[in-house]
């Protein structure tokens, strides 16, 4: 694996899939994006999960990996299965970027010294790099798809990209 692996959780995968943004995260990664088996199980349980799983498993940009033992430092946060596996995997890989949307999981990742990105961050990078013409319509679409963003965070994020 390259020096800066990405490990992604279910909600960013789901939201990026819904906006045809999986290629953005693949373009950002130095190597394949690690997807723990627990994340695949969460995706499979959701609406349209089979199609999304097939897309991820057949995309050379992603690598589905077996679950690993959960270290006490991660277990203490009492996160969901996917977040827990993302963080447990990250502890085994130096210079990891974790891709998480859950606030508590993001706080845990930061406390463990990991770089953290989320769906919104990837979307803003896509806008800055010219991969999409505008971020606002995509953010608004994600909100209709169940993504939670406070109005303040949404305004601040869109202002960062001039919208």
C-alpha atoms as a PDB file:
ATOM      1  CA  UNK A   1       0.000   0.000   0.000  1.00  0.00           C
ATOM      2  CA  UNK A   2       1.169   3.551  -0.655  1.00  0.00           C
ATOM      3  CA  UNK A   3       2.265   5.886   2.096  1.00  0.00           C
ATOM      4  CA  UNK A   4      -1.123   7.543   2.636  1.00  0.00           C
ATOM      5  CA  UNK A   5      -3.888   4.952   2.552  1.00  0.00           C
ATOM      6  CA  UNK A   6      -7.550   5.956   2.723  1.00  0.00           C
ATOM      7  CA  UNK A   7      -9.994   3.913   4.774  1.00  0.00           C
ATOM      8  CA  UNK A   8     -13.654   4.705   4.158  1.00  0.00           C
ATOM      9  CA  UNK A   9     -16.836   4.188   6.152  1.00  0.00           C
ATOM     10  CA  UNK A  10     -20.337   3.377   4.916  1.00  0.00           C
ATOM     11  CA  UNK A  11     -22.024   6.785   4.931  1.00  0.00           C
ATOM     12  CA  UNK A  12     -19.400   8.521   2.763  1.00  0.00           C
ATOM     13  CA  UNK A  13     -19.479   5.539   0.380  1.00  0.00           C
ATOM     14  CA  UNK A  14     -23.260   5.656   0.196  1.00  0.00           C
ATOM     15  CA  UNK A  15     -23.500   9.419  -0.280  1.00  0.00           C
ATOM     16  CA  UNK A  16     -20.668   9.546  -2.825  1.00  0.00           C
ATOM     17  CA  UNK A  17     -22.249   6.672  -4.714  1.00  0.00           C
ATOM     18  CA  UNK A  18     -25.568   8.561  -4.844  1.00  0.00           C
ATOM     19  CA  UNK A  19     -23.909  11.585  -6.451  1.00  0.00           C
ATOM     20  CA  UNK A  20     -21.587   9.628  -8.754  1.00  0.00           C
ATOM     21  CA  UNK A  21     -18.647  10.808  -6.666  1.00  0.00           C
ATOM     22  CA  UNK A  22     -16.811   7.561  -5.959  1.00  0.00           C
ATOM     23  CA  UNK A  23     -14.311   8.462  -8.654  1.00  0.00           C
ATOM     24  CA  UNK A  24     -13.406  11.641  -6.740  1.00  0.00           C
ATOM     25  CA  UNK A  25     -12.170   9.714  -3.727  1.00  0.00           C
ATOM     26  CA  UNK A  26     -10.331   7.289  -6.032  1.00  0.00           C
ATOM     27  CA  UNK A  27      -8.588  10.213  -7.715  1.00  0.00           C
ATOM     28  CA  UNK A  28      -7.485  11.578  -4.326  1.00  0.00           C
ATOM     29  CA  UNK A  29      -6.033   8.312  -3.039  1.00  0.00           C
ATOM     30  CA  UNK A  30      -2.410   7.221  -3.437  1.00  0.00           C
ATOM     31  CA  UNK A  31      -3.559   3.615  -3.548  1.00  0.00           C
ATOM     32  CA  UNK A  32      -6.687   1.531  -3.312  1.00  0.00           C
ATOM     33  CA  UNK A  33      -9.241   2.740  -0.816  1.00  0.00           C
ATOM     34  CA  UNK A  34      -9.613   0.271   2.031  1.00  0.00           C
ATOM     35  CA  UNK A  35     -13.180  -0.827   2.795  1.00  0.00           C
ATOM     36  CA  UNK A  36     -13.526  -3.007   5.912  1.00  0.00           C
ATOM     37  CA  UNK A  37     -15.898  -5.971   5.703  1.00  0.00           C
ATOM     38  CA  UNK A  38     -18.073  -4.392   8.442  1.00  0.00           C
ATOM     39  CA  UNK A  39     -18.649  -1.439   6.113  1.00  0.00           C
ATOM     40  CA  UNK A  40     -19.666  -3.785   3.303  1.00  0.00           C
ATOM     41  CA  UNK A  41     -22.134  -5.466   5.667  1.00  0.00           C
ATOM     42  CA  UNK A  42     -23.681  -2.096   6.560  1.00  0.00           C
ATOM     43  CA  UNK A  43     -24.018  -1.212   2.886  1.00  0.00           C
ATOM     44  CA  UNK A  44     -25.541  -4.606   2.060  1.00  0.00           C
ATOM     45  CA  UNK A  45     -28.221  -4.083   4.701  1.00  0.00           C
ATOM     46  CA  UNK A  46     -29.368  -0.810   3.129  1.00  0.00           C
ATOM     47  CA  UNK A  47     -31.593   0.075   0.224  1.00  0.00           C
ATOM     48  CA  UNK A  48     -29.787  -0.633  -3.063  1.00  0.00           C
ATOM     49  CA  UNK A  49     -26.957  -2.265  -1.157  1.00  0.00           C
ATOM     50  CA  UNK A  50     -26.395  -5.131  -3.583  1.00  0.00           C
ATOM     51  CA  UNK A  51     -25.805  -2.802  -6.523  1.00  0.00           C
ATOM     52  CA  UNK A  52     -23.519  -0.565  -4.490  1.00  0.00           C
ATOM     53  CA  UNK A  53     -21.542  -3.549  -3.147  1.00  0.00           C
ATOM     54  CA  UNK A  54     -21.039  -4.888  -6.661  1.00  0.00           C
ATOM     55  CA  UNK A  55     -19.792  -1.464  -7.811  1.00  0.00           C
ATOM     56  CA  UNK A  56     -17.277  -1.272  -4.948  1.00  0.00           C
ATOM     57  CA  UNK A  57     -16.105  -4.875  -5.220  1.00  0.00           C
ATOM     58  CA  UNK A  58     -15.597  -4.570  -9.000  1.00  0.00           C
ATOM     59  CA  UNK A  59     -13.846  -1.193  -8.893  1.00  0.00           C
ATOM     60  CA  UNK A  60     -10.037  -1.555  -8.868  1.00  0.00           C
ATOM     61  CA  UNK A  61      -9.868   1.639  -6.791  1.00  0.00           C
ATOM     62  CA  UNK A  62     -11.290  -0.158  -3.756  1.00  0.00           C
ATOM     63  CA  UNK A  63      -9.995  -3.040  -1.680  1.00  0.00           C
ATOM     64  CA  UNK A  64     -12.381  -4.886   0.645  1.00  0.00           C
ATOM     65  CA  UNK A  65     -10.483  -6.216   3.664  1.00  0.00           C
ATOM     66  CA  UNK A  66     -11.327  -8.560   6.514  1.00  0.00           C
ATOM     67  CA  UNK A  67     -12.288  -7.114   9.875  1.00  0.00           C
ATOM     68  CA  UNK A  68      -9.478  -6.856  12.410  1.00  0.00           C
ATOM     69  CA  UNK A  69      -9.477  -7.147  16.212  1.00  0.00           C
ATOM     70  CA  UNK A  70     -10.740  -3.998  17.904  1.00  0.00           C
ATOM     71  CA  UNK A  71      -8.151  -2.298  20.133  1.00  0.00           C
ATOM     72  CA  UNK A  72      -9.422  -1.049  23.523  1.00  0.00           C
ATOM     73  CA  UNK A  73      -8.634   2.567  22.570  1.00  0.00           C
ATOM     74  CA  UNK A  74     -11.192   2.291  19.742  1.00  0.00           C
ATOM     75  CA  UNK A  75     -13.717   0.103  21.614  1.00  0.00           C
ATOM     76  CA  UNK A  76     -13.910   2.733  24.370  1.00  0.00           C
ATOM     77  CA  UNK A  77     -15.607   5.131  21.939  1.00  0.00           C
ATOM     78  CA  UNK A  78     -18.590   2.758  21.498  1.00  0.00           C
ATOM     79  CA  UNK A  79     -19.025   3.581  17.810  1.00  0.00           C
ATOM     80  CA  UNK A  80     -20.887   1.665  15.126  1.00  0.00           C
ATOM     81  CA  UNK A  81     -19.379  -1.452  13.582  1.00  0.00           C
ATOM     82  CA  UNK A  82     -18.204   0.313  10.420  1.00  0.00           C
ATOM     83  CA  UNK A  83     -16.620   3.275  12.194  1.00  0.00           C
ATOM     84  CA  UNK A  84     -14.968   0.910  14.680  1.00  0.00           C
ATOM     85  CA  UNK A  85     -13.414  -1.149  11.881  1.00  0.00           C
ATOM     86  CA  UNK A  86     -12.272   1.924   9.951  1.00  0.00           C
ATOM     87  CA  UNK A  87     -10.430   3.162  13.042  1.00  0.00           C
ATOM     88  CA  UNK A  88      -9.108  -0.280  13.994  1.00  0.00           C
ATOM     89  CA  UNK A  89      -7.732  -0.749  10.471  1.00  0.00           C
ATOM     90  CA  UNK A  90      -6.256   2.754  10.537  1.00  0.00           C
ATOM     91  CA  UNK A  91      -4.238   1.943  13.655  1.00  0.00           C
ATOM     92  CA  UNK A  92      -2.438  -0.694  11.597  1.00  0.00           C
ATOM     93  CA  UNK A  93      -1.517   1.722   8.785  1.00  0.00           C
ATOM     94  CA  UNK A  94       0.723   4.755   9.244  1.00  0.00           C
ATOM     95  CA  UNK A  95      -0.309   8.121   7.792  1.00  0.00           C
ATOM     96  CA  UNK A  96      -3.870   6.990   7.224  1.00  0.00           C
ATOM     97  CA  UNK A  97      -6.666   9.254   6.069  1.00  0.00           C
ATOM     98  CA  UNK A  98      -9.974   8.137   7.495  1.00  0.00           C
ATOM     99  CA  UNK A  99     -13.122   9.032   5.588  1.00  0.00           C
ATOM    100  CA  UNK A 100     -15.898   9.378   8.143  1.00  0.00           C
ATOM    101  CA  UNK A 101     -19.046  11.474   8.504  1.00  0.00           C
ATOM    102  CA  UNK A 102     -20.074  10.513  12.053  1.00  0.00           C
ATOM    103  CA  UNK A 103     -19.055  13.275  14.487  1.00  0.00           C
ATOM    104  CA  UNK A 104     -17.917  10.969  17.314  1.00  0.00           C
ATOM    105  CA  UNK A 105     -15.926   8.806  14.891  1.00  0.00           C
ATOM    106  CA  UNK A 106     -14.251  11.908  13.462  1.00  0.00           C
ATOM    107  CA  UNK A 107     -13.328  13.037  16.980  1.00  0.00           C
ATOM    108  CA  UNK A 108     -11.903   9.595  17.751  1.00  0.00           C
ATOM    109  CA  UNK A 109      -9.888   9.613  14.520  1.00  0.00           C
ATOM    110  CA  UNK A 110      -8.468  13.048  15.299  1.00  0.00           C
ATOM    111  CA  UNK A 111      -7.590  11.989  18.851  1.00  0.00           C
ATOM    112  CA  UNK A 112      -5.661   9.054  17.379  1.00  0.00           C
ATOM    113  CA  UNK A 113      -3.760  11.371  15.034  1.00  0.00           C
ATOM    114  CA  UNK A 114      -5.396  10.426  11.743  1.00  0.00           C
ATOM    115  CA  UNK A 115      -6.196  12.756   8.889  1.00  0.00           C
ATOM    116  CA  UNK A 116      -9.969  12.979   8.543  1.00  0.00           C
ATOM    117  CA  UNK A 117     -12.107  13.679   5.507  1.00  0.00           C
ATOM    118  CA  UNK A 118     -15.838  13.351   5.090  1.00  0.00           C
ATOM    119  CA  UNK A 119     -18.330  13.446   2.267  1.00  0.00           C
ATOM    120  CA  UNK A 120     -18.530  17.232   2.411  1.00  0.00           C
ATOM    121  CA  UNK A 121     -14.747  17.608   2.362  1.00  0.00           C
ATOM    122  CA  UNK A 122     -14.436  15.378  -0.687  1.00  0.00           C
ATOM    123  CA  UNK A 123     -17.192  17.332  -2.400  1.00  0.00           C
ATOM    124  CA  UNK A 124     -15.391  20.627  -1.704  1.00  0.00           C
ATOM    125  CA  UNK A 125     -12.145  19.215  -3.108  1.00  0.00           C
ATOM    126  CA  UNK A 126     -14.058  18.126  -6.227  1.00  0.00           C
ATOM    127  CA  UNK A 127     -15.313  21.679  -6.661  1.00  0.00           C
ATOM    128  CA  UNK A 128     -11.860  23.233  -6.087  1.00  0.00           C
ATOM    129  CA  UNK A 129     -10.275  20.894  -8.614  1.00  0.00           C
ATOM    130  CA  UNK A 130     -12.919  21.588 -11.236  1.00  0.00           C
ATOM    131  CA  UNK A 131     -14.386  18.088 -11.212  1.00  0.00           C
ATOM    132  CA  UNK A 132     -17.835  19.612 -10.696  1.00  0.00           C
ATOM    133  CA  UNK A 133     -19.055  23.062 -11.778  1.00  0.00           C
ATOM    134  CA  UNK A 134     -20.866  23.867  -8.504  1.00  0.00           C
ATOM    135  CA  UNK A 135     -21.050  22.378  -5.009  1.00  0.00           C
ATOM    136  CA  UNK A 136     -24.362  23.859  -3.818  1.00  0.00           C
ATOM    137  CA  UNK A 137     -26.690  21.720  -5.970  1.00  0.00           C
ATOM    138  CA  UNK A 138     -24.789  18.585  -4.966  1.00  0.00           C
ATOM    139  CA  UNK A 139     -24.951  19.487  -1.264  1.00  0.00           C
ATOM    140  CA  UNK A 140     -28.659  20.227  -1.566  1.00  0.00           C
ATOM    141  CA  UNK A 141     -29.190  16.863  -3.268  1.00  0.00           C
ATOM    142  CA  UNK A 142     -27.289  15.099  -0.466  1.00  0.00           C
ATOM    143  CA  UNK A 143     -29.553  16.778   2.079  1.00  0.00           C
ATOM    144  CA  UNK A 144     -32.579  15.290   0.307  1.00  0.00           C
ATOM    145  CA  UNK A 145     -30.823  11.896   0.448  1.00  0.00           C
ATOM    146  CA  UNK A 146     -30.525  11.976   4.248  1.00  0.00           C
ATOM    147  CA  UNK A 147     -27.202  13.666   4.875  1.00  0.00           C
ATOM    148  CA  UNK A 148     -27.231  15.917   7.921  1.00  0.00           C
ATOM    149  CA  UNK A 149     -25.434  19.244   7.793  1.00  0.00           C
ATOM    150  CA  UNK A 150     -26.159  22.162  10.053  1.00  0.00           C
ATOM    151  CA  UNK A 151     -27.102  25.308   8.112  1.00  0.00           C
ATOM    152  CA  UNK A 152     -24.024  27.035   9.543  1.00  0.00           C
ATOM    153  CA  UNK A 153     -21.637  24.312   8.409  1.00  0.00           C
ATOM    154  CA  UNK A 154     -23.257  24.229   4.979  1.00  0.00           C
ATOM    155  CA  UNK A 155     -22.912  28.013   4.589  1.00  0.00           C
ATOM    156  CA  UNK A 156     -19.314  27.992   5.795  1.00  0.00           C
ATOM    157  CA  UNK A 157     -18.369  25.119   3.483  1.00  0.00           C
ATOM    158  CA  UNK A 158     -19.975  26.670   0.441  1.00  0.00           C
ATOM    159  CA  UNK A 159     -18.341  30.020   1.209  1.00  0.00           C
ATOM    160  CA  UNK A 160     -14.949  28.251   1.144  1.00  0.00           C
ATOM    161  CA  UNK A 161     -15.550  27.443  -2.522  1.00  0.00           C
ATOM    162  CA  UNK A 162     -17.078  30.795  -3.419  1.00  0.00           C
ATOM    163  CA  UNK A 163     -20.730  29.776  -3.388  1.00  0.00           C
END
